[in-house]
Amino acid sequence: MGRDRAAIRNASAEERSDLLDVLASRAGAGDLDALDELLWALDELGLARQAVRKVIVVEDDLDDVVQDVLVAVAEGISGFRAEARFTTWMHGIARFKAIAHLRRQRREEPLDDHYVGDAARISSVLVSRVSVRELLARLPDAYRDVVVLRDLEQLPYAEIAHRLDLNEHTVRTRAARGRALAAALLTREDG
């Protein structure tokens, strides 16, 4: 895994696109390690954030929409057909999620600190599933612990960070990636 990350991080733009295309094809074929690497690249290298930022200008909304994008990519990766670059496909998803977010904001009153969109749906699905423990057992440990504490035990991010001796940003990142991986697993089971 680390080798893919180092290669992606150090690659030129063209090489990075090629590497992401390969990862997306592998992830689309059911390789969860490739999906994890792909989600890492989208999140850690800011690729999803850059795509969302083209539509969303309010900084506070970026994290929510980026998380929705990660979940949508994880759920829909089996539909990636490599007819275009993965980044082109992901930018389409990011644009759709960002516009949907803006439309929701126009129709709804401001909400507290609750999630809006796919992340909330995934959280509620995780809580309502009978086989949730089996699903969570298939997640990498780093993601599983955070998802359990956040979505099942409903702990605030600050408390999770304290319990796991992590910074809050890392907890939020792991929650987003863990939900995205869980969404991919659910999609495969349901499909």
N, C-alpha and C. Protein backbone atom coordinates (compact mmCIF):
# COMPACT_ATOMS: atom_id res chain seq x y z
N MET A 1 0.82 -1.20 0.00
CA MET A 1 0.00 0.00 0.00
C MET A 1 0.86 1.25 0.00
N GLY A 2 1.82 1.34 0.89
CA GLY A 2 2.65 2.52 1.00
C GLY A 2 3.38 2.83 -0.29
N ARG A 3 3.73 1.80 -1.05
CA ARG A 3 4.42 1.99 -2.31
C ARG A 3 3.53 2.73 -3.30
N ASP A 4 2.25 2.35 -3.37
CA ASP A 4 1.31 3.06 -4.25
C ASP A 4 1.21 4.52 -3.83
N ARG A 5 1.14 4.78 -2.54
CA ARG A 5 1.01 6.15 -2.05
C ARG A 5 2.24 6.97 -2.38
N ALA A 6 3.42 6.40 -2.18
CA ALA A 6 4.64 7.13 -2.51
C ALA A 6 4.71 7.40 -4.01
N ALA A 7 4.34 6.42 -4.81
CA ALA A 7 4.38 6.59 -6.26
C ALA A 7 3.40 7.68 -6.70
N ILE A 8 2.21 7.69 -6.13
CA ILE A 8 1.20 8.69 -6.48
C ILE A 8 1.65 10.08 -6.03
N ARG A 9 2.16 10.16 -4.82
CA ARG A 9 2.60 11.45 -4.27
C ARG A 9 3.72 12.06 -5.09
N ASN A 10 4.66 11.23 -5.56
CA ASN A 10 5.85 11.72 -6.25
C ASN A 10 5.70 11.78 -7.78
N ALA A 11 4.57 11.38 -8.28
CA ALA A 11 4.38 11.31 -9.73
C ALA A 11 4.09 12.68 -10.33
N SER A 12 4.40 12.80 -11.61
CA SER A 12 3.99 13.99 -12.36
C SER A 12 2.47 13.92 -12.54
N ALA A 13 1.89 14.99 -13.01
CA ALA A 13 0.43 15.02 -13.19
C ALA A 13 -0.03 13.91 -14.13
N GLU A 14 0.66 13.71 -15.22
CA GLU A 14 0.28 12.67 -16.19
C GLU A 14 0.45 11.28 -15.58
N GLU A 15 1.58 11.06 -14.90
CA GLU A 15 1.81 9.76 -14.26
C GLU A 15 0.78 9.50 -13.17
N ARG A 16 0.45 10.54 -12.42
CA ARG A 16 -0.55 10.40 -11.36
C ARG A 16 -1.90 9.98 -11.95
N SER A 17 -2.28 10.61 -13.04
CA SER A 17 -3.54 10.23 -13.69
C SER A 17 -3.53 8.77 -14.12
N ASP A 18 -2.40 8.33 -14.67
CA ASP A 18 -2.29 6.92 -15.07
C ASP A 18 -2.41 5.99 -13.87
N LEU A 19 -1.72 6.33 -12.77
CA LEU A 19 -1.79 5.51 -11.56
C LEU A 19 -3.21 5.47 -10.99
N LEU A 20 -3.88 6.62 -10.99
CA LEU A 20 -5.25 6.66 -10.48
C LEU A 20 -6.19 5.84 -11.37
N ASP A 21 -5.96 5.86 -12.68
CA ASP A 21 -6.78 5.05 -13.59
C ASP A 21 -6.62 3.56 -13.27
N VAL A 22 -5.39 3.14 -13.02
CA VAL A 22 -5.12 1.73 -12.69
C VAL A 22 -5.79 1.37 -11.36
N LEU A 23 -5.62 2.22 -10.36
CA LEU A 23 -6.25 1.96 -9.06
C LEU A 23 -7.77 1.90 -9.18
N ALA A 24 -8.34 2.82 -9.96
CA ALA A 24 -9.80 2.84 -10.13
C ALA A 24 -10.28 1.57 -10.81
N SER A 25 -9.55 1.10 -11.80
CA SER A 25 -9.95 -0.15 -12.47
C SER A 25 -9.88 -1.33 -11.51
N ARG A 26 -8.81 -1.38 -10.72
CA ARG A 26 -8.69 -2.46 -9.73
C ARG A 26 -9.79 -2.36 -8.68
N ALA A 27 -10.06 -1.14 -8.20
CA ALA A 27 -11.10 -0.94 -7.19
C ALA A 27 -12.46 -1.31 -7.76
N GLY A 28 -12.71 -0.94 -9.01
CA GLY A 28 -13.97 -1.27 -9.66
C GLY A 28 -14.18 -2.77 -9.80
N ALA A 29 -13.08 -3.51 -9.86
CA ALA A 29 -13.15 -4.97 -9.96
C ALA A 29 -13.26 -5.63 -8.59
N GLY A 30 -13.33 -4.82 -7.52
CA GLY A 30 -13.55 -5.37 -6.19
C GLY A 30 -12.35 -5.38 -5.27
N ASP A 31 -11.23 -4.80 -5.67
CA ASP A 31 -10.02 -4.76 -4.85
C ASP A 31 -10.15 -3.64 -3.82
N LEU A 32 -10.44 -4.01 -2.55
CA LEU A 32 -10.63 -3.01 -1.50
C LEU A 32 -9.35 -2.28 -1.14
N ASP A 33 -8.20 -2.94 -1.28
CA ASP A 33 -6.94 -2.23 -1.03
C ASP A 33 -6.75 -1.12 -2.06
N ALA A 34 -7.09 -1.40 -3.30
CA ALA A 34 -6.99 -0.37 -4.34
C ALA A 34 -7.97 0.76 -4.06
N LEU A 35 -9.17 0.43 -3.59
CA LEU A 35 -10.15 1.45 -3.24
C LEU A 35 -9.63 2.32 -2.10
N ASP A 36 -9.02 1.70 -1.11
CA ASP A 36 -8.45 2.44 0.01
C ASP A 36 -7.37 3.41 -0.49
N GLU A 37 -6.50 2.94 -1.37
CA GLU A 37 -5.46 3.80 -1.94
C GLU A 37 -6.07 4.95 -2.75
N LEU A 38 -7.10 4.66 -3.49
CA LEU A 38 -7.76 5.66 -4.30
C LEU A 38 -8.41 6.73 -3.42
N LEU A 39 -9.11 6.30 -2.37
CA LEU A 39 -9.73 7.24 -1.44
C LEU A 39 -8.67 8.07 -0.73
N TRP A 40 -7.55 7.43 -0.38
CA TRP A 40 -6.44 8.17 0.23
C TRP A 40 -5.98 9.28 -0.71
N ALA A 41 -5.76 8.95 -1.97
CA ALA A 41 -5.28 9.94 -2.94
C ALA A 41 -6.28 11.09 -3.08
N LEU A 42 -7.56 10.75 -3.20
CA LEU A 42 -8.58 11.80 -3.37
C LEU A 42 -8.62 12.72 -2.16
N ASP A 43 -8.45 12.15 -0.98
CA ASP A 43 -8.55 12.93 0.25
C ASP A 43 -7.22 13.58 0.61
N GLU A 44 -6.19 12.79 0.77
CA GLU A 44 -4.92 13.28 1.27
C GLU A 44 -4.23 14.25 0.32
N LEU A 45 -4.32 14.00 -0.97
CA LEU A 45 -3.70 14.88 -1.95
C LEU A 45 -4.60 16.04 -2.36
N GLY A 46 -5.81 16.06 -1.78
CA GLY A 46 -6.72 17.17 -2.02
C GLY A 46 -7.39 17.15 -3.38
N LEU A 47 -7.39 16.01 -4.05
CA LEU A 47 -7.98 15.94 -5.39
C LEU A 47 -9.49 16.15 -5.35
N ALA A 48 -10.16 15.53 -4.38
CA ALA A 48 -11.61 15.74 -4.27
C ALA A 48 -11.91 17.17 -3.84
N ARG A 49 -11.11 17.69 -2.93
CA ARG A 49 -11.30 19.07 -2.44
C ARG A 49 -11.16 20.07 -3.59
N GLN A 50 -10.16 19.89 -4.44
CA GLN A 50 -9.97 20.79 -5.58
C GLN A 50 -11.19 20.75 -6.51
N ALA A 51 -11.71 19.56 -6.73
CA ALA A 51 -12.87 19.43 -7.61
C ALA A 51 -14.10 20.11 -7.00
N VAL A 52 -14.30 19.93 -5.71
CA VAL A 52 -15.46 20.52 -5.03
C VAL A 52 -15.33 22.04 -4.97
N ARG A 53 -14.12 22.51 -4.75
CA ARG A 53 -13.87 23.94 -4.61
C ARG A 53 -14.26 24.73 -5.87
N LYS A 54 -14.37 24.06 -6.98
CA LYS A 54 -14.79 24.75 -8.21
C LYS A 54 -16.23 25.23 -8.13
N VAL A 55 -17.02 24.61 -7.25
CA VAL A 55 -18.44 24.96 -7.10
C VAL A 55 -18.73 25.55 -5.72
N ILE A 56 -18.14 24.99 -4.68
CA ILE A 56 -18.40 25.42 -3.30
C ILE A 56 -17.32 26.41 -2.88
N VAL A 57 -17.74 27.59 -2.46
CA VAL A 57 -16.77 28.59 -2.05
C VAL A 57 -16.75 28.79 -0.53
N VAL A 58 -17.79 28.36 0.16
CA VAL A 58 -17.85 28.51 1.61
C VAL A 58 -17.01 27.39 2.24
N GLU A 59 -15.96 27.81 2.92
CA GLU A 59 -14.99 26.87 3.49
C GLU A 59 -15.64 25.85 4.42
N ASP A 60 -16.61 26.27 5.21
CA ASP A 60 -17.26 25.36 6.16
C ASP A 60 -18.01 24.22 5.48
N ASP A 61 -18.43 24.40 4.25
CA ASP A 61 -19.18 23.38 3.53
C ASP A 61 -18.29 22.38 2.80
N LEU A 62 -17.04 22.73 2.60
CA LEU A 62 -16.15 21.88 1.80
C LEU A 62 -16.01 20.48 2.36
N ASP A 63 -15.76 20.35 3.66
CA ASP A 63 -15.54 19.02 4.25
C ASP A 63 -16.74 18.10 4.06
N ASP A 64 -17.94 18.64 4.26
CA ASP A 64 -19.15 17.82 4.10
C ASP A 64 -19.29 17.32 2.66
N VAL A 65 -19.07 18.20 1.71
CA VAL A 65 -19.23 17.82 0.31
C VAL A 65 -18.11 16.86 -0.12
N VAL A 66 -16.88 17.11 0.35
CA VAL A 66 -15.78 16.19 0.03
C VAL A 66 -16.10 14.81 0.57
N GLN A 67 -16.65 14.72 1.78
CA GLN A 67 -17.02 13.42 2.33
C GLN A 67 -18.10 12.76 1.47
N ASP A 68 -19.08 13.53 1.02
CA ASP A 68 -20.11 12.99 0.13
C ASP A 68 -19.49 12.44 -1.15
N VAL A 69 -18.48 13.14 -1.66
CA VAL A 69 -17.79 12.70 -2.88
C VAL A 69 -17.07 11.38 -2.63
N LEU A 70 -16.36 11.28 -1.51
CA LEU A 70 -15.65 10.03 -1.20
C LEU A 70 -16.62 8.85 -1.10
N VAL A 71 -17.74 9.08 -0.45
CA VAL A 71 -18.75 8.01 -0.32
C VAL A 71 -19.30 7.65 -1.70
N ALA A 72 -19.61 8.65 -2.51
CA ALA A 72 -20.17 8.39 -3.84
C ALA A 72 -19.16 7.65 -4.73
N VAL A 73 -17.89 8.01 -4.64
CA VAL A 73 -16.86 7.30 -5.40
C VAL A 73 -16.79 5.85 -4.95
N ALA A 74 -16.77 5.63 -3.64
CA ALA A 74 -16.69 4.26 -3.12
C ALA A 74 -17.91 3.43 -3.53
N GLU A 75 -19.09 4.03 -3.46
CA GLU A 75 -20.31 3.31 -3.84
C GLU A 75 -20.38 3.04 -5.34
N GLY A 76 -19.88 3.98 -6.13
CA GLY A 76 -20.07 3.88 -7.57
C GLY A 76 -18.87 3.39 -8.35
N ILE A 77 -17.77 3.04 -7.67
CA ILE A 77 -16.54 2.69 -8.39
C ILE A 77 -16.73 1.50 -9.32
N SER A 78 -17.64 0.61 -9.00
CA SER A 78 -17.87 -0.53 -9.90
C SER A 78 -18.46 -0.07 -11.24
N GLY A 79 -18.98 1.14 -11.28
CA GLY A 79 -19.51 1.70 -12.52
C GLY A 79 -18.47 2.44 -13.35
N PHE A 80 -17.26 2.58 -12.84
CA PHE A 80 -16.20 3.24 -13.60
C PHE A 80 -15.74 2.31 -14.71
N ARG A 81 -15.85 2.76 -15.93
CA ARG A 81 -15.56 1.92 -17.09
C ARG A 81 -14.27 2.28 -17.82
N ALA A 82 -13.53 3.24 -17.32
CA ALA A 82 -12.25 3.65 -17.92
C ALA A 82 -12.41 4.14 -19.35
N GLU A 83 -13.59 4.62 -19.70
CA GLU A 83 -13.79 5.21 -21.02
C GLU A 83 -13.23 6.62 -21.04
N ALA A 84 -13.05 7.20 -19.86
CA ALA A 84 -12.41 8.50 -19.68
C ALA A 84 -11.47 8.35 -18.50
N ARG A 85 -10.72 9.36 -18.21
CA ARG A 85 -9.83 9.35 -17.05
C ARG A 85 -10.65 9.24 -15.78
N PHE A 86 -10.09 8.58 -14.77
CA PHE A 86 -10.76 8.50 -13.49
C PHE A 86 -11.03 9.90 -12.94
N THR A 87 -10.05 10.79 -13.08
CA THR A 87 -10.23 12.14 -12.54
C THR A 87 -11.40 12.86 -13.20
N THR A 88 -11.62 12.61 -14.48
CA THR A 88 -12.77 13.20 -15.17
C THR A 88 -14.07 12.66 -14.57
N TRP A 89 -14.10 11.37 -14.35
CA TRP A 89 -15.27 10.71 -13.74
C TRP A 89 -15.51 11.27 -12.34
N MET A 90 -14.44 11.38 -11.53
CA MET A 90 -14.56 11.89 -10.17
C MET A 90 -14.99 13.35 -10.16
N HIS A 91 -14.49 14.15 -11.09
CA HIS A 91 -14.89 15.56 -11.16
C HIS A 91 -16.38 15.69 -11.44
N GLY A 92 -16.93 14.79 -12.25
CA GLY A 92 -18.38 14.79 -12.50
C GLY A 92 -19.16 14.51 -11.23
N ILE A 93 -18.69 13.56 -10.45
CA ILE A 93 -19.33 13.25 -9.18
C ILE A 93 -19.23 14.45 -8.23
N ALA A 94 -18.05 15.04 -8.16
CA ALA A 94 -17.83 16.19 -7.27
C ALA A 94 -18.75 17.34 -7.65
N ARG A 95 -18.86 17.60 -8.92
CA ARG A 95 -19.73 18.70 -9.38
C ARG A 95 -21.19 18.42 -9.00
N PHE A 96 -21.64 17.19 -9.24
CA PHE A 96 -23.01 16.80 -8.92
C PHE A 96 -23.27 16.96 -7.42
N LYS A 97 -22.36 16.46 -6.58
CA LYS A 97 -22.53 16.54 -5.12
C LYS A 97 -22.51 17.98 -4.64
N ALA A 98 -21.64 18.79 -5.21
CA ALA A 98 -21.55 20.20 -4.81
C ALA A 98 -22.83 20.95 -5.18
N ILE A 99 -23.34 20.73 -6.37
CA ILE A 99 -24.58 21.39 -6.80
C ILE A 99 -25.75 20.92 -5.93
N ALA A 100 -25.79 19.62 -5.65
CA ALA A 100 -26.86 19.09 -4.78
C ALA A 100 -26.79 19.73 -3.40
N HIS A 101 -25.59 19.93 -2.89
CA HIS A 101 -25.41 20.59 -1.60
C HIS A 101 -25.96 22.02 -1.64
N LEU A 102 -25.63 22.74 -2.67
CA LEU A 102 -26.12 24.12 -2.81
C LEU A 102 -27.64 24.17 -2.90
N ARG A 103 -28.22 23.24 -3.62
CA ARG A 103 -29.68 23.18 -3.73
C ARG A 103 -30.33 22.89 -2.38
N ARG A 104 -29.74 21.97 -1.63
CA ARG A 104 -30.28 21.66 -0.30
C ARG A 104 -30.21 22.88 0.60
N GLN A 105 -29.14 23.60 0.52
CA GLN A 105 -28.99 24.80 1.36
C GLN A 105 -30.06 25.83 1.04
N ARG A 106 -30.40 25.97 -0.21
CA ARG A 106 -31.44 26.93 -0.58
C ARG A 106 -32.79 26.52 -0.04
N ARG A 107 -33.07 25.21 -0.01
CA ARG A 107 -34.39 24.73 0.40
C ARG A 107 -34.54 24.58 1.90
N GLU A 108 -33.44 24.40 2.61
CA GLU A 108 -33.52 24.07 4.04
C GLU A 108 -33.01 25.21 4.90
N GLU A 109 -33.51 25.22 6.11
CA GLU A 109 -32.96 26.14 7.10
C GLU A 109 -31.60 25.61 7.53
N PRO A 110 -30.74 26.48 8.01
CA PRO A 110 -29.43 26.00 8.47
C PRO A 110 -29.59 24.96 9.58
N LEU A 111 -28.77 23.94 9.50
CA LEU A 111 -28.79 22.87 10.49
C LEU A 111 -27.65 23.06 11.48
N ASP A 112 -27.75 22.39 12.60
CA ASP A 112 -26.68 22.44 13.60
C ASP A 112 -25.41 21.86 13.01
N ASP A 113 -24.81 20.93 13.72
CA ASP A 113 -23.59 20.29 13.25
C ASP A 113 -23.88 18.92 12.64
N HIS A 114 -25.11 18.69 12.20
CA HIS A 114 -25.47 17.39 11.63
C HIS A 114 -24.99 17.28 10.20
N TYR A 115 -24.67 16.08 9.81
CA TYR A 115 -24.28 15.83 8.42
C TYR A 115 -25.50 15.87 7.53
N VAL A 116 -25.28 16.30 6.31
CA VAL A 116 -26.32 16.32 5.30
C VAL A 116 -25.81 15.48 4.14
N GLY A 117 -26.66 14.62 3.59
CA GLY A 117 -26.27 13.90 2.38
C GLY A 117 -25.90 12.46 2.63
N ASP A 118 -25.03 11.97 1.76
CA ASP A 118 -24.66 10.57 1.75
C ASP A 118 -24.00 10.11 3.04
N ALA A 119 -23.19 10.96 3.66
CA ALA A 119 -22.51 10.54 4.88
C ALA A 119 -23.53 10.19 5.97
N ALA A 120 -24.58 10.98 6.11
CA ALA A 120 -25.62 10.70 7.10
C ALA A 120 -26.36 9.41 6.74
N ARG A 121 -26.61 9.22 5.46
CA ARG A 121 -27.30 8.01 5.03
C ARG A 121 -26.47 6.78 5.33
N ILE A 122 -25.18 6.85 5.07
CA ILE A 122 -24.30 5.72 5.36
C ILE A 122 -24.27 5.47 6.85
N SER A 123 -24.19 6.52 7.66
CA SER A 123 -24.18 6.34 9.11
C SER A 123 -25.45 5.65 9.58
N SER A 124 -26.60 6.08 9.08
CA SER A 124 -27.85 5.47 9.52
C SER A 124 -27.96 4.04 9.02
N VAL A 125 -27.46 3.77 7.82
CA VAL A 125 -27.48 2.40 7.30
C VAL A 125 -26.60 1.52 8.18
N LEU A 126 -25.42 2.02 8.55
CA LEU A 126 -24.53 1.24 9.40
C LEU A 126 -25.19 0.89 10.72
N VAL A 127 -25.88 1.85 11.31
CA VAL A 127 -26.51 1.62 12.61
C VAL A 127 -27.67 0.63 12.48
N SER A 128 -28.40 0.68 11.37
CA SER A 128 -29.60 -0.14 11.25
C SER A 128 -29.33 -1.56 10.75
N ARG A 129 -28.15 -1.85 10.26
CA ARG A 129 -27.85 -3.17 9.72
C ARG A 129 -27.64 -4.20 10.82
N VAL A 130 -28.23 -5.38 10.64
CA VAL A 130 -28.04 -6.46 11.59
C VAL A 130 -26.60 -6.96 11.53
N SER A 131 -26.03 -6.99 10.36
CA SER A 131 -24.68 -7.52 10.18
C SER A 131 -23.61 -6.44 10.28
N VAL A 132 -23.89 -5.39 11.03
CA VAL A 132 -22.96 -4.27 11.10
C VAL A 132 -21.59 -4.69 11.64
N ARG A 133 -21.57 -5.54 12.62
CA ARG A 133 -20.29 -5.98 13.18
C ARG A 133 -19.47 -6.75 12.15
N GLU A 134 -20.14 -7.57 11.35
CA GLU A 134 -19.43 -8.30 10.30
C GLU A 134 -18.86 -7.33 9.27
N LEU A 135 -19.65 -6.36 8.90
CA LEU A 135 -19.19 -5.35 7.94
C LEU A 135 -18.01 -4.58 8.50
N LEU A 136 -18.13 -4.12 9.72
CA LEU A 136 -17.06 -3.34 10.33
C LEU A 136 -15.80 -4.17 10.53
N ALA A 137 -15.96 -5.44 10.77
CA ALA A 137 -14.80 -6.31 10.94
C ALA A 137 -13.97 -6.38 9.67
N ARG A 138 -14.57 -6.10 8.54
CA ARG A 138 -13.86 -6.14 7.26
C ARG A 138 -13.12 -4.84 6.96
N LEU A 139 -13.36 -3.80 7.76
CA LEU A 139 -12.64 -2.54 7.57
C LEU A 139 -11.26 -2.62 8.22
N PRO A 140 -10.28 -1.90 7.67
CA PRO A 140 -8.97 -1.83 8.35
C PRO A 140 -9.16 -1.25 9.76
N ASP A 141 -8.34 -1.69 10.70
CA ASP A 141 -8.47 -1.30 12.11
C ASP A 141 -8.58 0.20 12.31
N ALA A 142 -7.72 0.97 11.65
CA ALA A 142 -7.69 2.42 11.85
C ALA A 142 -9.04 3.05 11.53
N TYR A 143 -9.72 2.56 10.51
CA TYR A 143 -11.01 3.10 10.13
C TYR A 143 -12.12 2.54 11.01
N ARG A 144 -12.03 1.24 11.31
CA ARG A 144 -13.08 0.57 12.08
C ARG A 144 -13.27 1.25 13.43
N ASP A 145 -12.19 1.49 14.14
CA ASP A 145 -12.29 2.09 15.48
C ASP A 145 -13.00 3.44 15.43
N VAL A 146 -12.63 4.26 14.48
CA VAL A 146 -13.23 5.59 14.38
C VAL A 146 -14.70 5.50 14.00
N VAL A 147 -15.04 4.66 13.03
CA VAL A 147 -16.43 4.53 12.60
C VAL A 147 -17.30 4.00 13.73
N VAL A 148 -16.80 3.03 14.47
CA VAL A 148 -17.56 2.49 15.60
C VAL A 148 -17.81 3.58 16.64
N LEU A 149 -16.76 4.30 17.00
CA LEU A 149 -16.92 5.33 18.03
C LEU A 149 -17.81 6.48 17.56
N ARG A 150 -17.71 6.85 16.30
CA ARG A 150 -18.50 7.99 15.80
C ARG A 150 -19.94 7.59 15.46
N ASP A 151 -20.10 6.54 14.67
CA ASP A 151 -21.41 6.23 14.13
C ASP A 151 -22.24 5.29 14.99
N LEU A 152 -21.59 4.44 15.73
CA LEU A 152 -22.35 3.53 16.60
C LEU A 152 -22.48 4.09 18.01
N GLU A 153 -21.38 4.60 18.54
CA GLU A 153 -21.42 5.14 19.90
C GLU A 153 -21.76 6.62 19.93
N GLN A 154 -21.83 7.26 18.76
CA GLN A 154 -22.23 8.66 18.63
C GLN A 154 -21.36 9.63 19.42
N LEU A 155 -20.06 9.33 19.52
CA LEU A 155 -19.16 10.22 20.25
C LEU A 155 -18.76 11.40 19.36
N PRO A 156 -18.53 12.56 19.96
CA PRO A 156 -18.04 13.70 19.18
C PRO A 156 -16.60 13.45 18.72
N TYR A 157 -16.22 14.10 17.62
CA TYR A 157 -14.89 13.91 17.07
C TYR A 157 -13.79 14.22 18.10
N ALA A 158 -13.99 15.25 18.90
CA ALA A 158 -12.98 15.62 19.89
C ALA A 158 -12.76 14.50 20.91
N GLU A 159 -13.84 13.86 21.35
CA GLU A 159 -13.74 12.75 22.30
C GLU A 159 -13.03 11.55 21.67
N ILE A 160 -13.35 11.26 20.41
CA ILE A 160 -12.69 10.15 19.71
C ILE A 160 -11.20 10.44 19.59
N ALA A 161 -10.86 11.66 19.24
CA ALA A 161 -9.45 12.04 19.11
C ALA A 161 -8.73 11.82 20.44
N HIS A 162 -9.38 12.21 21.51
CA HIS A 162 -8.78 12.03 22.84
C HIS A 162 -8.61 10.55 23.17
N ARG A 163 -9.63 9.76 22.95
CA ARG A 163 -9.58 8.33 23.28
C ARG A 163 -8.52 7.59 22.47
N LEU A 164 -8.39 7.95 21.19
CA LEU A 164 -7.47 7.23 20.32
C LEU A 164 -6.11 7.90 20.22
N ASP A 165 -5.93 9.00 20.94
CA ASP A 165 -4.69 9.76 20.92
C ASP A 165 -4.31 10.17 19.49
N LEU A 166 -5.28 10.76 18.81
CA LEU A 166 -5.10 11.26 17.45
C LEU A 166 -5.54 12.71 17.42
N ASN A 167 -5.13 13.44 16.38
CA ASN A 167 -5.69 14.78 16.26
C ASN A 167 -7.07 14.70 15.61
N GLU A 168 -7.87 15.71 15.80
CA GLU A 168 -9.26 15.69 15.35
C GLU A 168 -9.37 15.58 13.83
N HIS A 169 -8.46 16.22 13.11
CA HIS A 169 -8.49 16.14 11.64
C HIS A 169 -8.30 14.69 11.19
N THR A 170 -7.38 13.97 11.83
CA THR A 170 -7.14 12.57 11.48
C THR A 170 -8.39 11.74 11.75
N VAL A 171 -9.07 12.01 12.83
CA VAL A 171 -10.30 11.29 13.16
C VAL A 171 -11.37 11.55 12.09
N ARG A 172 -11.54 12.80 11.70
CA ARG A 172 -12.52 13.13 10.66
C ARG A 172 -12.18 12.45 9.34
N THR A 173 -10.89 12.46 8.99
CA THR A 173 -10.44 11.82 7.76
C THR A 173 -10.70 10.32 7.79
N ARG A 174 -10.36 9.69 8.89
CA ARG A 174 -10.57 8.24 8.99
C ARG A 174 -12.06 7.90 9.00
N ALA A 175 -12.87 8.73 9.60
CA ALA A 175 -14.32 8.49 9.58
C ALA A 175 -14.84 8.56 8.15
N ALA A 176 -14.41 9.56 7.41
CA ALA A 176 -14.86 9.71 6.02
C ALA A 176 -14.42 8.53 5.17
N ARG A 177 -13.17 8.14 5.29
CA ARG A 177 -12.66 7.01 4.50
C ARG A 177 -13.30 5.71 4.94
N GLY A 178 -13.47 5.53 6.25
CA GLY A 178 -14.11 4.31 6.75
C GLY A 178 -15.54 4.18 6.27
N ARG A 179 -16.28 5.29 6.29
CA ARG A 179 -17.66 5.26 5.77
C ARG A 179 -17.68 4.95 4.29
N ALA A 180 -16.73 5.52 3.56
CA ALA A 180 -16.67 5.28 2.12
C ALA A 180 -16.37 3.81 1.84
N LEU A 181 -15.44 3.23 2.57
CA LEU A 181 -15.15 1.80 2.39
C LEU A 181 -16.35 0.95 2.79
N ALA A 182 -17.01 1.32 3.89
CA ALA A 182 -18.21 0.58 4.32
C ALA A 182 -19.29 0.69 3.26
N ALA A 183 -19.44 1.86 2.65
CA ALA A 183 -20.43 2.04 1.59
C ALA A 183 -20.12 1.12 0.42
N ALA A 184 -18.85 1.02 0.08
CA ALA A 184 -18.46 0.14 -1.02
C ALA A 184 -18.79 -1.31 -0.70
N LEU A 185 -18.53 -1.72 0.54
CA LEU A 185 -18.86 -3.08 0.93
C LEU A 185 -20.36 -3.33 0.89
N LEU A 186 -21.15 -2.36 1.37
CA LEU A 186 -22.61 -2.50 1.35
C LEU A 186 -23.12 -2.57 -0.09
N THR A 187 -22.57 -1.74 -0.94
CA THR A 187 -22.98 -1.73 -2.35
C THR A 187 -22.72 -3.07 -2.99
N ARG A 188 -21.56 -3.64 -2.69
CA ARG A 188 -21.23 -4.95 -3.27
C ARG A 188 -22.15 -6.04 -2.73
N GLU A 189 -22.47 -5.98 -1.43
CA GLU A 189 -23.37 -6.98 -0.84
C GLU A 189 -24.78 -6.86 -1.39
N ASP A 190 -25.26 -5.60 -1.55
CA ASP A 190 -26.62 -5.39 -2.03
C ASP A 190 -26.74 -5.60 -3.53
N GLY A 191 -25.63 -5.43 -4.23
CA GLY A 191 -25.65 -5.54 -5.70
C GLY A 191 -25.31 -6.91 -6.14
